[in-house]
Every structure is written in C-alpha cells, then in structure tokens.
Amino acid sequence: MLSRRVSRLQNRVDLLTAKRVIAQEVGAKINVSQAEIRKYYDDHKTDFIREETVFLREILIVPADASPTAWGSAEKKAKKIAVRVRNNEKFGPAGARTWRVQEGRTEAGA
C-alpha cells in the first residue's frame, strides 16, 4: 500500500518535472507577436463565441401567508414556471434575480 502511494507520488513528480522542462526549453523559444495573435483571433472569431448559459438549480415560490388561498396561488405560479422551464424558455436578465411571489403582486429581489 505504501509502495503504491510512493510510486504514484514519484509519477506525479516526474510529470511535473517534464512539464517544467518542456516549458523552459520549448516555451521559452516560442515567440508570438501581438499581430499574429490578433490575426488568429480575427480569423477564428466564431470559435470564441458562446451562447450565454445559466444553470438553474432552484426556484423557490413562497406564498404570502399560510392560508390555503395563498398556497394555491403559489402552487399555480410554480406550475406555470415549471412549464416554462420544460419548454426551455429563456428567462432573460430577470431570470438571474430572486422573485418573491405574493398574493396579487410580484417583486424582484436581489
């Protein structure tokens, strides 16, 4: 068990040493001008463009109070949002905020 750990550690040391030598010996000899970098970027702009993505983990719908009417409203709102999520609807900038749903109104929070 110990010899296996030592062997793995030695492999990591060897790998780091090899990377350092490559960086010093090869990397030091590579010289790319700003003009070359700009030309490459201009020729490959589409490779650098990504669609904005947000990973949503949770939507919390809080009823205004503990009454059955408030809970019914909150459940209705949650079901509407669930349909929008399942339809891959984009929520836009407002989707990045926390929304508080209260009976008769919706407020944006931080």
Protein backbone atom coordinates (compact mmCIF):
# COMPACT_ATOMS: atom_id res chain seq x y z
CA MET A 1 0.00 0.00 0.00
CA LEU A 2 2.74 2.46 0.97
CA SER A 3 4.89 1.48 -2.00
CA ARG A 4 1.94 2.14 -4.34
CA ARG A 5 1.49 5.63 -2.89
CA VAL A 6 5.21 6.33 -3.22
CA SER A 7 5.10 5.13 -6.81
CA ARG A 8 2.12 7.40 -7.62
CA LEU A 9 3.84 10.32 -5.94
CA GLN A 10 7.02 9.68 -7.94
CA ASN A 11 4.97 9.55 -11.15
CA ARG A 12 3.46 12.95 -10.32
CA VAL A 13 6.89 14.41 -9.56
CA ASP A 14 8.21 13.05 -12.88
CA LEU A 15 5.24 14.54 -14.76
CA LEU A 16 5.69 17.95 -13.14
CA THR A 17 9.41 17.86 -13.86
CA ALA A 18 8.76 17.00 -17.51
CA LYS A 19 6.22 19.85 -17.79
CA ARG A 20 8.71 22.30 -16.28
CA VAL A 21 11.48 21.22 -18.67
CA ILE A 22 9.15 21.49 -21.67
CA ALA A 23 8.03 24.95 -20.57
CA GLN A 24 11.61 26.12 -20.15
CA GLU A 25 13.11 24.52 -23.25
CA VAL A 26 10.24 24.81 -25.71
CA GLY A 27 8.07 27.58 -24.33
CA ALA A 28 10.98 29.98 -23.99
CA LYS A 29 11.73 29.64 -27.70
CA ILE A 30 8.17 30.33 -28.87
CA ASN A 31 7.65 33.95 -29.80
CA VAL A 32 4.20 35.01 -31.00
CA SER A 33 3.67 38.65 -31.86
CA GLN A 34 0.55 40.64 -30.98
CA ALA A 35 -0.16 40.94 -34.71
CA GLU A 36 -0.15 37.14 -35.08
CA ILE A 37 -2.44 36.78 -32.09
CA ARG A 38 -4.84 39.40 -33.48
CA LYS A 39 -4.86 37.75 -36.94
CA TYR A 40 -5.58 34.33 -35.44
CA TYR A 41 -8.39 35.78 -33.35
CA ASP A 42 -9.89 37.67 -36.29
CA ASP A 43 -9.74 34.53 -38.47
CA HIS A 44 -11.37 32.38 -35.76
CA LYS A 45 -13.83 34.74 -34.03
CA THR A 46 -16.68 32.27 -34.25
CA ASP A 47 -14.63 29.76 -32.24
CA PHE A 48 -14.64 32.19 -29.30
CA ILE A 49 -18.36 32.98 -29.26
CA ARG A 50 -20.55 31.02 -26.87
CA GLU A 51 -24.22 31.32 -26.18
CA GLU A 52 -24.96 32.60 -22.70
CA THR A 53 -25.85 29.80 -20.35
CA VAL A 54 -27.36 29.79 -16.89
CA PHE A 55 -27.62 26.68 -14.80
CA LEU A 56 -30.71 26.92 -12.67
CA ARG A 57 -30.71 24.88 -9.53
CA GLU A 58 -33.77 26.04 -7.67
CA ILE A 59 -36.84 28.21 -7.95
CA LEU A 60 -38.47 28.97 -4.62
CA ILE A 61 -42.07 30.11 -4.61
CA VAL A 62 -43.08 31.50 -1.23
CA PRO A 63 -46.77 32.11 -0.51
CA ALA A 64 -47.73 35.45 1.03
CA ASP A 65 -49.09 33.70 4.11
CA ALA A 66 -50.14 30.28 5.36
CA SER A 67 -53.70 30.47 4.05
CA PRO A 68 -54.96 27.82 1.61
CA THR A 69 -55.61 30.58 -0.97
CA ALA A 70 -52.00 31.80 -0.81
CA TRP A 71 -50.69 28.23 -1.09
CA GLY A 72 -53.00 27.61 -4.06
CA SER A 73 -51.70 30.75 -5.78
CA ALA A 74 -48.10 29.78 -5.11
CA GLU A 75 -48.71 26.26 -6.48
CA LYS A 76 -50.35 27.70 -9.61
CA LYS A 77 -47.38 30.03 -10.16
CA ALA A 78 -44.92 27.14 -9.62
CA LYS A 79 -46.73 25.01 -12.21
CA LYS A 80 -46.61 27.86 -14.76
CA ILE A 81 -42.88 28.30 -14.18
CA ALA A 82 -42.32 24.53 -14.46
CA VAL A 83 -44.00 24.54 -17.89
CA ARG A 84 -41.77 27.42 -18.99
CA VAL A 85 -38.66 25.57 -17.79
CA ARG A 86 -39.69 22.32 -19.53
CA ASN A 87 -40.22 24.32 -22.75
CA ASN A 88 -36.63 25.60 -22.45
CA GLU A 89 -37.88 29.17 -22.26
CA LYS A 90 -35.15 31.75 -21.82
CA PHE A 91 -35.85 33.84 -18.75
CA GLY A 92 -33.58 36.72 -19.75
CA PRO A 93 -31.83 39.07 -17.32
CA ALA A 94 -34.76 38.94 -14.90
CA GLY A 95 -34.18 35.20 -14.51
CA ALA A 96 -30.95 35.95 -12.68
CA ARG A 97 -32.86 37.58 -9.84
CA THR A 98 -34.86 36.17 -6.98
CA TRP A 99 -38.58 36.71 -7.36
CA ARG A 100 -40.96 36.90 -4.43
CA VAL A 101 -44.50 35.94 -5.33
CA GLN A 102 -47.14 37.37 -3.07
CA GLU A 103 -50.86 37.43 -3.48
CA GLY A 104 -51.65 39.95 -6.20
CA ARG A 105 -48.10 41.12 -6.94
CA THR A 106 -44.59 40.01 -7.89
CA GLU A 107 -41.46 41.80 -6.68
CA ALA A 108 -37.89 41.42 -7.84
CA GLY A 109 -35.29 40.92 -5.14
CA ALA A 110 -31.52 40.70 -5.08
